[in-house]
Structures are given as structure tokens and as C-alpha cells.
Amino acid sequence: MNQKYQGDVSIIKLAKCDATFQPLPDGGLVVAEGEVTGHNHRVITKDRGTVIGFARDSEGFYLKVEGGNALLTHQEHAEIELEPAIYFIGKQYEYDEVAERRVRD
């Protein structure tokens, strides 16, 4: 599957990305914070030797996972394993006939 969800976060596997990636910070990267609980969605390395690069734009984060797997963690949701690939991580939206609304976690 090329798309996964964790609460209000959407994870989309990409074929390619022209972004300039920088190294993941020590302790991982918070890609979204909860509006109510203060919990967060954080990307961390799972396997020794995993290299994760990230880039950011106004819509979300781009991740490049190489050499092992990464994890998207959250205090109230199951972890999502990210295998080597390029991903876009952004907010999840829901639509109806009248409006577009961002999903809240």
C-alpha cells in the first residue's frame, strides 16, 4: 500500500523527490503535534545503520529512509514501520459536499 495513516497524519510513499535532505536530528523528528493532548508523531530509526534524511515545505515533511527501517511513533497509536523508500508525511483531510476539514487527533 502506498498510503498509511496514524491519527491525523497521512504517510504517502513517493516514487521520487527532488528535495535537499538533511540528517535526522538526535532523538528523532516530530512531524506533527496533537492539538489537545500534547502528544506527538515522531520519526525515529528502528534498525542500526538506518539513515534518514528529511526536508520540509509548507505542506509537510519528506523523508528518505535508507539502509534499514524507520518508525513513526505516537503515544496513543500503533507504531508504523517505514521501509527504505521516500515518503511524504502531512496532515490528513476529510471532505464533504460543502467543505474540506483537517482531521484532528
PDB file of N, CA and C in Angstrom:
ATOM      1  N   MET A   1       0.852  -1.184   0.000  1.00  0.00           N
ATOM      2  CA  MET A   1       0.000   0.000   0.000  1.00  0.00           C
ATOM      3  C   MET A   1       0.893   1.240   0.000  1.00  0.00           C
ATOM      4  N   ASN A   2       0.548   2.228  -0.790  1.00  0.00           N
ATOM      5  CA  ASN A   2       1.347   3.433  -0.901  1.00  0.00           C
ATOM      6  C   ASN A   2       0.916   4.542   0.048  1.00  0.00           C
ATOM      7  N   GLN A   3      -0.148   4.324   0.815  1.00  0.00           N
ATOM      8  CA  GLN A   3      -0.597   5.343   1.761  1.00  0.00           C
ATOM      9  C   GLN A   3      -1.006   4.686   3.075  1.00  0.00           C
ATOM     10  N   LYS A   4      -0.577   5.313   4.179  1.00  0.00           N
ATOM     11  CA  LYS A   4      -0.916   4.837   5.517  1.00  0.00           C
ATOM     12  C   LYS A   4      -1.345   6.033   6.344  1.00  0.00           C
ATOM     13  N   TYR A   5      -1.984   5.749   7.473  1.00  0.00           N
ATOM     14  CA  TYR A   5      -2.454   6.814   8.354  1.00  0.00           C
ATOM     15  C   TYR A   5      -2.109   6.485   9.796  1.00  0.00           C
ATOM     16  N   GLN A   6      -1.819   7.529  10.568  1.00  0.00           N
ATOM     17  CA  GLN A   6      -1.645   7.394  12.005  1.00  0.00           C
ATOM     18  C   GLN A   6      -2.347   8.606  12.616  1.00  0.00           C
ATOM     19  N   GLY A   7      -3.554   8.380  13.149  1.00  0.00           N
ATOM     20  CA  GLY A   7      -4.333   9.504  13.682  1.00  0.00           C
ATOM     21  C   GLY A   7      -4.621  10.501  12.583  1.00  0.00           C
ATOM     22  N   ASP A   8      -4.194  11.749  12.785  1.00  0.00           N
ATOM     23  CA  ASP A   8      -4.444  12.809  11.803  1.00  0.00           C
ATOM     24  C   ASP A   8      -3.301  12.986  10.796  1.00  0.00           C
ATOM     25  N   VAL A   9      -2.375  12.035  10.768  1.00  0.00           N
ATOM     26  CA  VAL A   9      -1.213  12.121   9.884  1.00  0.00           C
ATOM     27  C   VAL A   9      -1.359  11.129   8.733  1.00  0.00           C
ATOM     28  N   SER A  10      -1.011  11.592   7.541  1.00  0.00           N
ATOM     29  CA  SER A  10      -1.034  10.774   6.341  1.00  0.00           C
ATOM     30  C   SER A  10       0.403  10.520   5.892  1.00  0.00           C
ATOM     31  N   ILE A  11       0.720   9.274   5.526  1.00  0.00           N
ATOM     32  CA  ILE A  11       2.048   8.891   5.067  1.00  0.00           C
ATOM     33  C   ILE A  11       1.900   8.361   3.650  1.00  0.00           C
ATOM     34  N   ILE A  12       2.545   9.009   2.697  1.00  0.00           N
ATOM     35  CA  ILE A  12       2.422   8.624   1.289  1.00  0.00           C
ATOM     36  C   ILE A  12       3.801   8.255   0.754  1.00  0.00           C
ATOM     37  N   LYS A  13       3.911   7.057   0.201  1.00  0.00           N
ATOM     38  CA  LYS A  13       5.164   6.604  -0.409  1.00  0.00           C
ATOM     39  C   LYS A  13       5.287   7.243  -1.791  1.00  0.00           C
ATOM     40  N   LEU A  14       6.453   7.827  -2.070  1.00  0.00           N
ATOM     41  CA  LEU A  14       6.679   8.533  -3.331  1.00  0.00           C
ATOM     42  C   LEU A  14       7.655   7.765  -4.215  1.00  0.00           C
ATOM     43  N   ALA A  15       7.527   7.950  -5.509  1.00  0.00           N
ATOM     44  CA  ALA A  15       8.468   7.337  -6.448  1.00  0.00           C
ATOM     45  C   ALA A  15       9.794   8.096  -6.448  1.00  0.00           C
ATOM     46  N   LYS A  16       9.745   9.419  -6.301  1.00  0.00           N
ATOM     47  CA  LYS A  16      10.954  10.237  -6.255  1.00  0.00           C
ATOM     48  C   LYS A  16      10.633  11.578  -5.613  1.00  0.00           C
ATOM     49  N   CYS A  17      11.691  12.307  -5.273  1.00  0.00           N
ATOM     50  CA  CYS A  17      11.543  13.628  -4.670  1.00  0.00           C
ATOM     51  C   CYS A  17      12.822  14.408  -4.938  1.00  0.00           C
ATOM     52  N   ASP A  18      12.690  15.644  -5.359  1.00  0.00           N
ATOM     53  CA  ASP A  18      13.847  16.470  -5.685  1.00  0.00           C
ATOM     54  C   ASP A  18      14.320  17.328  -4.519  1.00  0.00           C
ATOM     55  N   ALA A  19      13.802  17.098  -3.329  1.00  0.00           N
ATOM     56  CA  ALA A  19      14.162  17.903  -2.157  1.00  0.00           C
ATOM     57  C   ALA A  19      15.622  17.676  -1.773  1.00  0.00           C
ATOM     58  N   THR A  20      16.184  18.644  -1.078  1.00  0.00           N
ATOM     59  CA  THR A  20      17.512  18.506  -0.490  1.00  0.00           C
ATOM     60  C   THR A  20      17.322  18.041   0.951  1.00  0.00           C
ATOM     61  N   PHE A  21      17.798  16.849   1.241  1.00  0.00           N
ATOM     62  CA  PHE A  21      17.576  16.234   2.551  1.00  0.00           C
ATOM     63  C   PHE A  21      18.700  16.586   3.517  1.00  0.00           C
ATOM     64  N   GLN A  22      18.328  16.774   4.785  1.00  0.00           N
ATOM     65  CA  GLN A  22      19.308  16.954   5.852  1.00  0.00           C
ATOM     66  C   GLN A  22      19.158  15.805   6.843  1.00  0.00           C
ATOM     67  N   PRO A  23      20.180  15.545   7.646  1.00  0.00           N
ATOM     68  CA  PRO A  23      20.127  14.404   8.567  1.00  0.00           C
ATOM     69  C   PRO A  23      19.048  14.553   9.637  1.00  0.00           C
ATOM     70  N   LEU A  24      18.490  13.420  10.030  1.00  0.00           N
ATOM     71  CA  LEU A  24      17.508  13.392  11.116  1.00  0.00           C
ATOM     72  C   LEU A  24      18.179  13.847  12.409  1.00  0.00           C
ATOM     73  N   PRO A  25      17.543  14.721  13.201  1.00  0.00           N
ATOM     74  CA  PRO A  25      18.138  15.153  14.469  1.00  0.00           C
ATOM     75  C   PRO A  25      18.233  13.999  15.469  1.00  0.00           C
ATOM     76  N   ASP A  26      19.170  14.103  16.420  1.00  0.00           N
ATOM     77  CA  ASP A  26      19.241  13.136  17.517  1.00  0.00           C
ATOM     78  C   ASP A  26      17.901  13.137  18.240  1.00  0.00           C
ATOM     79  N   GLY A  27      17.394  11.966  18.578  1.00  0.00           N
ATOM     80  CA  GLY A  27      16.108  11.870  19.256  1.00  0.00           C
ATOM     81  C   GLY A  27      14.917  11.819  18.321  1.00  0.00           C
ATOM     82  N   GLY A  28      15.164  11.904  17.006  1.00  0.00           N
ATOM     83  CA  GLY A  28      14.074  11.801  16.042  1.00  0.00           C
ATOM     84  C   GLY A  28      13.545  13.148  15.607  1.00  0.00           C
ATOM     85  N   LEU A  29      12.486  13.104  14.817  1.00  0.00           N
ATOM     86  CA  LEU A  29      11.894  14.296  14.229  1.00  0.00           C
ATOM     87  C   LEU A  29      10.393  14.307  14.497  1.00  0.00           C
ATOM     88  N   VAL A  30       9.897  15.335  15.170  1.00  0.00           N
ATOM     89  CA  VAL A  30       8.460  15.487  15.386  1.00  0.00           C
ATOM     90  C   VAL A  30       7.856  16.048  14.102  1.00  0.00           C
ATOM     91  N   VAL A  31       6.929  15.279  13.503  1.00  0.00           N
ATOM     92  CA  VAL A  31       6.308  15.700  12.247  1.00  0.00           C
ATOM     93  C   VAL A  31       4.907  16.269  12.454  1.00  0.00           C
ATOM     94  N   ALA A  32       4.340  16.075  13.659  1.00  0.00           N
ATOM     95  CA  ALA A  32       3.037  16.667  13.990  1.00  0.00           C
ATOM     96  C   ALA A  32       2.838  16.585  15.495  1.00  0.00           C
ATOM     97  N   GLU A  33       2.148  17.598  16.035  1.00  0.00           N
ATOM     98  CA  GLU A  33       1.825  17.621  17.462  1.00  0.00           C
ATOM     99  C   GLU A  33       0.318  17.641  17.638  1.00  0.00           C
ATOM    100  N   GLY A  34      -0.152  16.944  18.688  1.00  0.00           N
ATOM    101  CA  GLY A  34      -1.582  16.919  18.982  1.00  0.00           C
ATOM    102  C   GLY A  34      -2.066  18.267  19.487  1.00  0.00           C
ATOM    103  N   GLU A  35      -3.240  18.672  19.051  1.00  0.00           N
ATOM    104  CA  GLU A  35      -3.807  19.953  19.462  1.00  0.00           C
ATOM    105  C   GLU A  35      -4.344  19.910  20.888  1.00  0.00           C
ATOM    106  N   VAL A  36      -4.779  18.728  21.331  1.00  0.00           N
ATOM    107  CA  VAL A  36      -5.446  18.613  22.628  1.00  0.00           C
ATOM    108  C   VAL A  36      -4.550  17.960  23.675  1.00  0.00           C
ATOM    109  N   THR A  37      -3.917  16.838  23.340  1.00  0.00           N
ATOM    110  CA  THR A  37      -3.217  16.028  24.337  1.00  0.00           C
ATOM    111  C   THR A  37      -1.761  16.399  24.538  1.00  0.00           C
ATOM    112  N   GLY A  38      -1.162  17.090  23.583  1.00  0.00           N
ATOM    113  CA  GLY A  38       0.261  17.385  23.663  1.00  0.00           C
ATOM    114  C   GLY A  38       1.140  16.238  23.189  1.00  0.00           C
ATOM    115  N   HIS A  39       0.541  15.133  22.750  1.00  0.00           N
ATOM    116  CA  HIS A  39       1.307  14.019  22.198  1.00  0.00           C
ATOM    117  C   HIS A  39       1.839  14.414  20.823  1.00  0.00           C
ATOM    118  N   ASN A  40       2.774  13.614  20.311  1.00  0.00           N
ATOM    119  CA  ASN A  40       3.324  13.955  19.004  1.00  0.00           C
ATOM    120  C   ASN A  40       3.575  12.717  18.158  1.00  0.00           C
ATOM    121  N   HIS A  41       3.671  12.948  16.867  1.00  0.00           N
ATOM    122  CA  HIS A  41       4.044  11.936  15.886  1.00  0.00           C
ATOM    123  C   HIS A  41       5.525  12.171  15.608  1.00  0.00           C
ATOM    124  N   ARG A  42       6.348  11.157  15.872  1.00  0.00           N
ATOM    125  CA  ARG A  42       7.803  11.304  15.785  1.00  0.00           C
ATOM    126  C   ARG A  42       8.399  10.195  14.927  1.00  0.00           C
ATOM    127  N   VAL A  43       9.318  10.569  14.041  1.00  0.00           N
ATOM    128  CA  VAL A  43      10.049   9.607  13.223  1.00  0.00           C
ATOM    129  C   VAL A  43      11.369   9.302  13.920  1.00  0.00           C
ATOM    130  N   ILE A  44      11.654   8.006  14.105  1.00  0.00           N
ATOM    131  CA  ILE A  44      12.912   7.562  14.707  1.00  0.00           C
ATOM    132  C   ILE A  44      13.471   6.404  13.888  1.00  0.00           C
ATOM    133  N   THR A  45      14.755   6.113  14.072  1.00  0.00           N
ATOM    134  CA  THR A  45      15.334   4.948  13.411  1.00  0.00           C
ATOM    135  C   THR A  45      14.932   3.697  14.176  1.00  0.00           C
ATOM    136  N   LYS A  46      14.698   2.613  13.456  1.00  0.00           N
ATOM    137  CA  LYS A  46      14.379   1.335  14.079  1.00  0.00           C
ATOM    138  C   LYS A  46      15.609   0.431  14.097  1.00  0.00           C
ATOM    139  N   ASP A  47      16.288   0.385  12.993  1.00  0.00           N
ATOM    140  CA  ASP A  47      17.408  -0.535  12.819  1.00  0.00           C
ATOM    141  C   ASP A  47      18.743   0.206  12.864  1.00  0.00           C
ATOM    142  N   ARG A  48      19.723  -0.460  13.448  1.00  0.00           N
ATOM    143  CA  ARG A  48      21.072   0.094  13.437  1.00  0.00           C
ATOM    144  C   ARG A  48      21.523   0.222  11.978  1.00  0.00           C
ATOM    145  N   GLY A  49      22.120   1.327  11.641  1.00  0.00           N
ATOM    146  CA  GLY A  49      22.573   1.551  10.274  1.00  0.00           C
ATOM    147  C   GLY A  49      21.553   2.257   9.397  1.00  0.00           C
ATOM    148  N   THR A  50      20.359   2.495   9.917  1.00  0.00           N
ATOM    149  CA  THR A  50      19.356   3.225   9.143  1.00  0.00           C
ATOM    150  C   THR A  50      19.771   4.692   9.038  1.00  0.00           C
ATOM    151  N   VAL A  51      19.669   5.231   7.845  1.00  0.00           N
ATOM    152  CA  VAL A  51      19.950   6.638   7.609  1.00  0.00           C
ATOM    153  C   VAL A  51      18.652   7.278   7.146  1.00  0.00           C
ATOM    154  N   ILE A  52      18.255   8.346   7.839  1.00  0.00           N
ATOM    155  CA  ILE A  52      17.020   9.050   7.483  1.00  0.00           C
ATOM    156  C   ILE A  52      17.368  10.503   7.196  1.00  0.00           C
ATOM    157  N   GLY A  53      16.971  10.954   6.027  1.00  0.00           N
ATOM    158  CA  GLY A  53      17.090  12.357   5.688  1.00  0.00           C
ATOM    159  C   GLY A  53      15.708  12.962   5.656  1.00  0.00           C
ATOM    160  N   PHE A  54      15.618  14.267   5.943  1.00  0.00           N
ATOM    161  CA  PHE A  54      14.311  14.913   5.885  1.00  0.00           C
ATOM    162  C   PHE A  54      14.415  16.278   5.233  1.00  0.00           C
ATOM    163  N   ALA A  55      13.313  16.695   4.672  1.00  0.00           N
ATOM    164  CA  ALA A  55      13.146  18.036   4.113  1.00  0.00           C
ATOM    165  C   ALA A  55      11.740  18.474   4.489  1.00  0.00           C
ATOM    166  N   ARG A  56      11.513  19.766   4.484  1.00  0.00           N
ATOM    167  CA  ARG A  56      10.200  20.280   4.887  1.00  0.00           C
ATOM    168  C   ARG A  56       9.759  21.383   3.934  1.00  0.00           C
ATOM    169  N   ASP A  57       8.460  21.428   3.664  1.00  0.00           N
ATOM    170  CA  ASP A  57       7.876  22.559   2.964  1.00  0.00           C
ATOM    171  C   ASP A  57       6.601  22.958   3.696  1.00  0.00           C
ATOM    172  N   SER A  58       5.827  23.844   3.131  1.00  0.00           N
ATOM    173  CA  SER A  58       4.636  24.353   3.823  1.00  0.00           C
ATOM    174  C   SER A  58       3.549  23.300   4.002  1.00  0.00           C
ATOM    175  N   GLU A  59       3.624  22.201   3.269  1.00  0.00           N
ATOM    176  CA  GLU A  59       2.605  21.158   3.342  1.00  0.00           C
ATOM    177  C   GLU A  59       2.957  20.024   4.303  1.00  0.00           C
ATOM    178  N   GLY A  60       4.251  19.821   4.586  1.00  0.00           N
ATOM    179  CA  GLY A  60       4.634  18.720   5.457  1.00  0.00           C
ATOM    180  C   GLY A  60       6.101  18.370   5.327  1.00  0.00           C
ATOM    181  N   PHE A  61       6.417  17.106   5.578  1.00  0.00           N
ATOM    182  CA  PHE A  61       7.787  16.612   5.597  1.00  0.00           C
ATOM    183  C   PHE A  61       8.004  15.560   4.528  1.00  0.00           C
ATOM    184  N   TYR A  62       9.219  15.531   3.997  1.00  0.00           N
ATOM    185  CA  TYR A  62       9.658  14.483   3.092  1.00  0.00           C
ATOM    186  C   TYR A  62      10.742  13.696   3.817  1.00  0.00           C
ATOM    187  N   LEU A  63      10.664  12.383   3.778  1.00  0.00           N
ATOM    188  CA  LEU A  63      11.647  11.525   4.426  1.00  0.00           C
ATOM    189  C   LEU A  63      12.281  10.609   3.392  1.00  0.00           C
ATOM    190  N   LYS A  64      13.569  10.401   3.545  1.00  0.00           N
ATOM    191  CA  LYS A  64      14.283   9.427   2.720  1.00  0.00           C
ATOM    192  C   LYS A  64      14.908   8.422   3.685  1.00  0.00           C
ATOM    193  N   VAL A  65      14.393   7.193   3.669  1.00  0.00           N
ATOM    194  CA  VAL A  65      14.842   6.134   4.575  1.00  0.00           C
ATOM    195  C   VAL A  65      15.727   5.188   3.784  1.00  0.00           C
ATOM    196  N   GLU A  66      16.965   4.967   4.290  1.00  0.00           N
ATOM    197  CA  GLU A  66      17.925   4.106   3.605  1.00  0.00           C
ATOM    198  C   GLU A  66      18.619   3.191   4.614  1.00  0.00           C
ATOM    199  N   GLY A  67      18.998   1.989   4.182  1.00  0.00           N
ATOM    200  CA  GLY A  67      19.841   1.105   4.962  1.00  0.00           C
ATOM    201  C   GLY A  67      19.168   0.389   6.119  1.00  0.00           C
ATOM    202  N   GLY A  68      17.888   0.494   6.268  1.00  0.00           N
ATOM    203  CA  GLY A  68      17.146  -0.136   7.353  1.00  0.00           C
ATOM    204  C   GLY A  68      15.794   0.528   7.468  1.00  0.00           C
ATOM    205  N   ASN A  69      15.059   0.215   8.521  1.00  0.00           N
ATOM    206  CA  ASN A  69      13.702   0.736   8.667  1.00  0.00           C
ATOM    207  C   ASN A  69      13.626   1.849   9.700  1.00  0.00           C
ATOM    208  N   ALA A  70      12.615   2.688   9.539  1.00  0.00           N
ATOM    209  CA  ALA A  70      12.309   3.762  10.482  1.00  0.00           C
ATOM    210  C   ALA A  70      10.960   3.448  11.122  1.00  0.00           C
ATOM    211  N   LEU A  71      10.632   4.177  12.184  1.00  0.00           N
ATOM    212  CA  LEU A  71       9.328   4.050  12.837  1.00  0.00           C
ATOM    213  C   LEU A  71       8.681   5.417  12.963  1.00  0.00           C
ATOM    214  N   LEU A  72       7.379   5.465  12.747  1.00  0.00           N
ATOM    215  CA  LEU A  72       6.584   6.640  13.087  1.00  0.00           C
ATOM    216  C   LEU A  72       5.865   6.277  14.379  1.00  0.00           C
ATOM    217  N   THR A  73       6.175   6.973  15.449  1.00  0.00           N
ATOM    218  CA  THR A  73       5.632   6.649  16.768  1.00  0.00           C
ATOM    219  C   THR A  73       4.631   7.705  17.228  1.00  0.00           C
ATOM    220  N   HIS A  74       3.784   7.302  18.160  1.00  0.00           N
ATOM    221  CA  HIS A  74       2.820   8.198  18.814  1.00  0.00           C
ATOM    222  C   HIS A  74       2.406   7.523  20.108  1.00  0.00           C
ATOM    223  N   GLN A  75       2.141   8.313  21.125  1.00  0.00           N
ATOM    224  CA  GLN A  75       1.812   7.771  22.434  1.00  0.00           C
ATOM    225  C   GLN A  75       0.483   7.020  22.469  1.00  0.00           C
ATOM    226  N   GLU A  76      -0.438   7.290  21.549  1.00  0.00           N
ATOM    227  CA  GLU A  76      -1.764   6.666  21.583  1.00  0.00           C
ATOM    228  C   GLU A  76      -2.089   5.819  20.357  1.00  0.00           C
ATOM    229  N   HIS A  77      -1.163   5.715  19.423  1.00  0.00           N
ATOM    230  CA  HIS A  77      -1.409   4.955  18.193  1.00  0.00           C
ATOM    231  C   HIS A  77      -0.329   3.895  18.017  1.00  0.00           C
ATOM    232  N   ALA A  78      -0.642   2.873  17.255  1.00  0.00           N
ATOM    233  CA  ALA A  78       0.341   1.836  16.942  1.00  0.00           C
ATOM    234  C   ALA A  78       1.465   2.433  16.096  1.00  0.00           C
ATOM    235  N   GLU A  79       2.684   1.941  16.322  1.00  0.00           N
ATOM    236  CA  GLU A  79       3.814   2.376  15.514  1.00  0.00           C
ATOM    237  C   GLU A  79       3.614   1.953  14.065  1.00  0.00           C
ATOM    238  N   ILE A  80       4.135   2.747  13.153  1.00  0.00           N
ATOM    239  CA  ILE A  80       4.110   2.397  11.739  1.00  0.00           C
ATOM    240  C   ILE A  80       5.555   2.260  11.285  1.00  0.00           C
ATOM    241  N   GLU A  81       5.873   1.107  10.705  1.00  0.00           N
ATOM    242  CA  GLU A  81       7.223   0.858  10.215  1.00  0.00           C
ATOM    243  C   GLU A  81       7.346   1.385   8.792  1.00  0.00           C
ATOM    244  N   LEU A  82       8.418   2.116   8.551  1.00  0.00           N
ATOM    245  CA  LEU A  82       8.690   2.685   7.237  1.00  0.00           C
ATOM    246  C   LEU A  82       9.943   2.015   6.675  1.00  0.00           C
ATOM    247  N   GLU A  83       9.758   1.243   5.624  1.00  0.00           N
ATOM    248  CA  GLU A  83      10.876   0.553   4.989  1.00  0.00           C
ATOM    249  C   GLU A  83      11.644   1.539   4.107  1.00  0.00           C
ATOM    250  N   PRO A  84      12.824   1.160   3.632  1.00  0.00           N
ATOM    251  CA  PRO A  84      13.589   2.070   2.782  1.00  0.00           C
ATOM    252  C   PRO A  84      12.767   2.550   1.577  1.00  0.00           C
ATOM    253  N   ALA A  85      12.629   3.851   1.482  1.00  0.00           N
ATOM    254  CA  ALA A  85      11.861   4.498   0.415  1.00  0.00           C
ATOM    255  C   ALA A  85      11.847   6.001   0.695  1.00  0.00           C
ATOM    256  N   ILE A  86      11.124   6.734  -0.130  1.00  0.00           N
ATOM    257  CA  ILE A  86      10.902   8.168   0.078  1.00  0.00           C
ATOM    258  C   ILE A  86       9.430   8.350   0.412  1.00  0.00           C
ATOM    259  N   TYR A  87       9.149   9.170   1.416  1.00  0.00           N
ATOM    260  CA  TYR A  87       7.784   9.375   1.903  1.00  0.00           C
ATOM    261  C   TYR A  87       7.466  10.855   2.037  1.00  0.00           C
ATOM    262  N   PHE A  88       6.185  11.176   1.884  1.00  0.00           N
ATOM    263  CA  PHE A  88       5.665  12.482   2.270  1.00  0.00           C
ATOM    264  C   PHE A  88       4.793  12.259   3.496  1.00  0.00           C
ATOM    265  N   ILE A  89       4.979  13.068   4.537  1.00  0.00           N
ATOM    266  CA  ILE A  89       4.160  12.984   5.747  1.00  0.00           C
ATOM    267  C   ILE A  89       3.501  14.338   5.949  1.00  0.00           C
ATOM    268  N   GLY A  90       2.171  14.334   5.958  1.00  0.00           N
ATOM    269  CA  GLY A  90       1.421  15.575   6.119  1.00  0.00           C
ATOM    270  C   GLY A  90       0.126  15.332   6.869  1.00  0.00           C
ATOM    271  N   LYS A  91      -0.670  16.358   6.986  1.00  0.00           N
ATOM    272  CA  LYS A  91      -1.952  16.272   7.679  1.00  0.00           C
ATOM    273  C   LYS A  91      -2.975  15.543   6.815  1.00  0.00           C
ATOM    274  N   GLN A  92      -3.855  14.825   7.471  1.00  0.00           N
ATOM    275  CA  GLN A  92      -4.934  14.127   6.795  1.00  0.00           C
ATOM    276  C   GLN A  92      -6.147  15.060   6.721  1.00  0.00           C
ATOM    277  N   TYR A  93      -6.828  15.055   5.588  1.00  0.00           N
ATOM    278  CA  TYR A  93      -8.012  15.904   5.392  1.00  0.00           C
ATOM    279  C   TYR A  93      -9.214  15.035   5.085  1.00  0.00           C
ATOM    280  N   GLU A  94     -10.394  15.527   5.474  1.00  0.00           N
ATOM    281  CA  GLU A  94     -11.650  14.863   5.108  1.00  0.00           C
ATOM    282  C   GLU A  94     -12.502  15.867   4.355  1.00  0.00           C
ATOM    283  N   TYR A  95     -13.307  15.356   3.436  1.00  0.00           N
ATOM    284  CA  TYR A  95     -14.100  16.211   2.554  1.00  0.00           C
ATOM    285  C   TYR A  95     -15.564  15.815   2.624  1.00  0.00           C
ATOM    286  N   ASP A  96     -16.439  16.797   2.449  1.00  0.00           N
ATOM    287  CA  ASP A  96     -17.855  16.526   2.222  1.00  0.00           C
ATOM    288  C   ASP A  96     -18.295  17.461   1.097  1.00  0.00           C
ATOM    289  N   GLU A  97     -19.581  17.512   0.819  1.00  0.00           N
ATOM    290  CA  GLU A  97     -20.061  18.327  -0.300  1.00  0.00           C
ATOM    291  C   GLU A  97     -19.841  19.811  -0.079  1.00  0.00           C
ATOM    292  N   VAL A  98     -19.666  20.237   1.157  1.00  0.00           N
ATOM    293  CA  VAL A  98     -19.599  21.659   1.477  1.00  0.00           C
ATOM    294  C   VAL A  98     -18.180  22.152   1.747  1.00  0.00           C
ATOM    295  N   ALA A  99     -17.376  21.383   2.465  1.00  0.00           N
ATOM    296  CA  ALA A  99     -16.099  21.926   2.928  1.00  0.00           C
ATOM    297  C   ALA A  99     -15.018  20.853   3.062  1.00  0.00           C
ATOM    298  N   GLU A 100     -13.819  21.336   3.197  1.00  0.00           N
ATOM    299  CA  GLU A 100     -12.659  20.494   3.490  1.00  0.00           C
ATOM    300  C   GLU A 100     -12.262  20.786   4.937  1.00  0.00           C
ATOM    301  N   ARG A 101     -12.006  19.734   5.729  1.00  0.00           N
ATOM    302  CA  ARG A 101     -11.614  19.907   7.118  1.00  0.00           C
ATOM    303  C   ARG A 101     -10.394  19.058   7.402  1.00  0.00           C
ATOM    304  N   ARG A 102      -9.463  19.628   8.180  1.00  0.00           N
ATOM    305  CA  ARG A 102      -8.313  18.859   8.619  1.00  0.00           C
ATOM    306  C   ARG A 102      -8.749  17.930   9.726  1.00  0.00           C
ATOM    307  N   VAL A 103      -8.330  16.676   9.656  1.00  0.00           N
ATOM    308  CA  VAL A 103      -8.641  15.699  10.701  1.00  0.00           C
ATOM    309  C   VAL A 103      -7.860  16.082  11.941  1.00  0.00           C
ATOM    310  N   ARG A 104      -8.487  16.043  13.099  1.00  0.00           N
ATOM    311  CA  ARG A 104      -7.834  16.404  14.368  1.00  0.00           C
ATOM    312  C   ARG A 104      -7.595  15.145  15.184  1.00  0.00           C
ATOM    313  N   ASP A 105      -6.458  15.104  15.844  1.00  0.00           N
ATOM    314  CA  ASP A 105      -6.055  13.938  16.640  1.00  0.00           C
ATOM    315  C   ASP A 105      -6.127  14.305  18.108  1.00  0.00           C
TER     316      ASP A 105
END
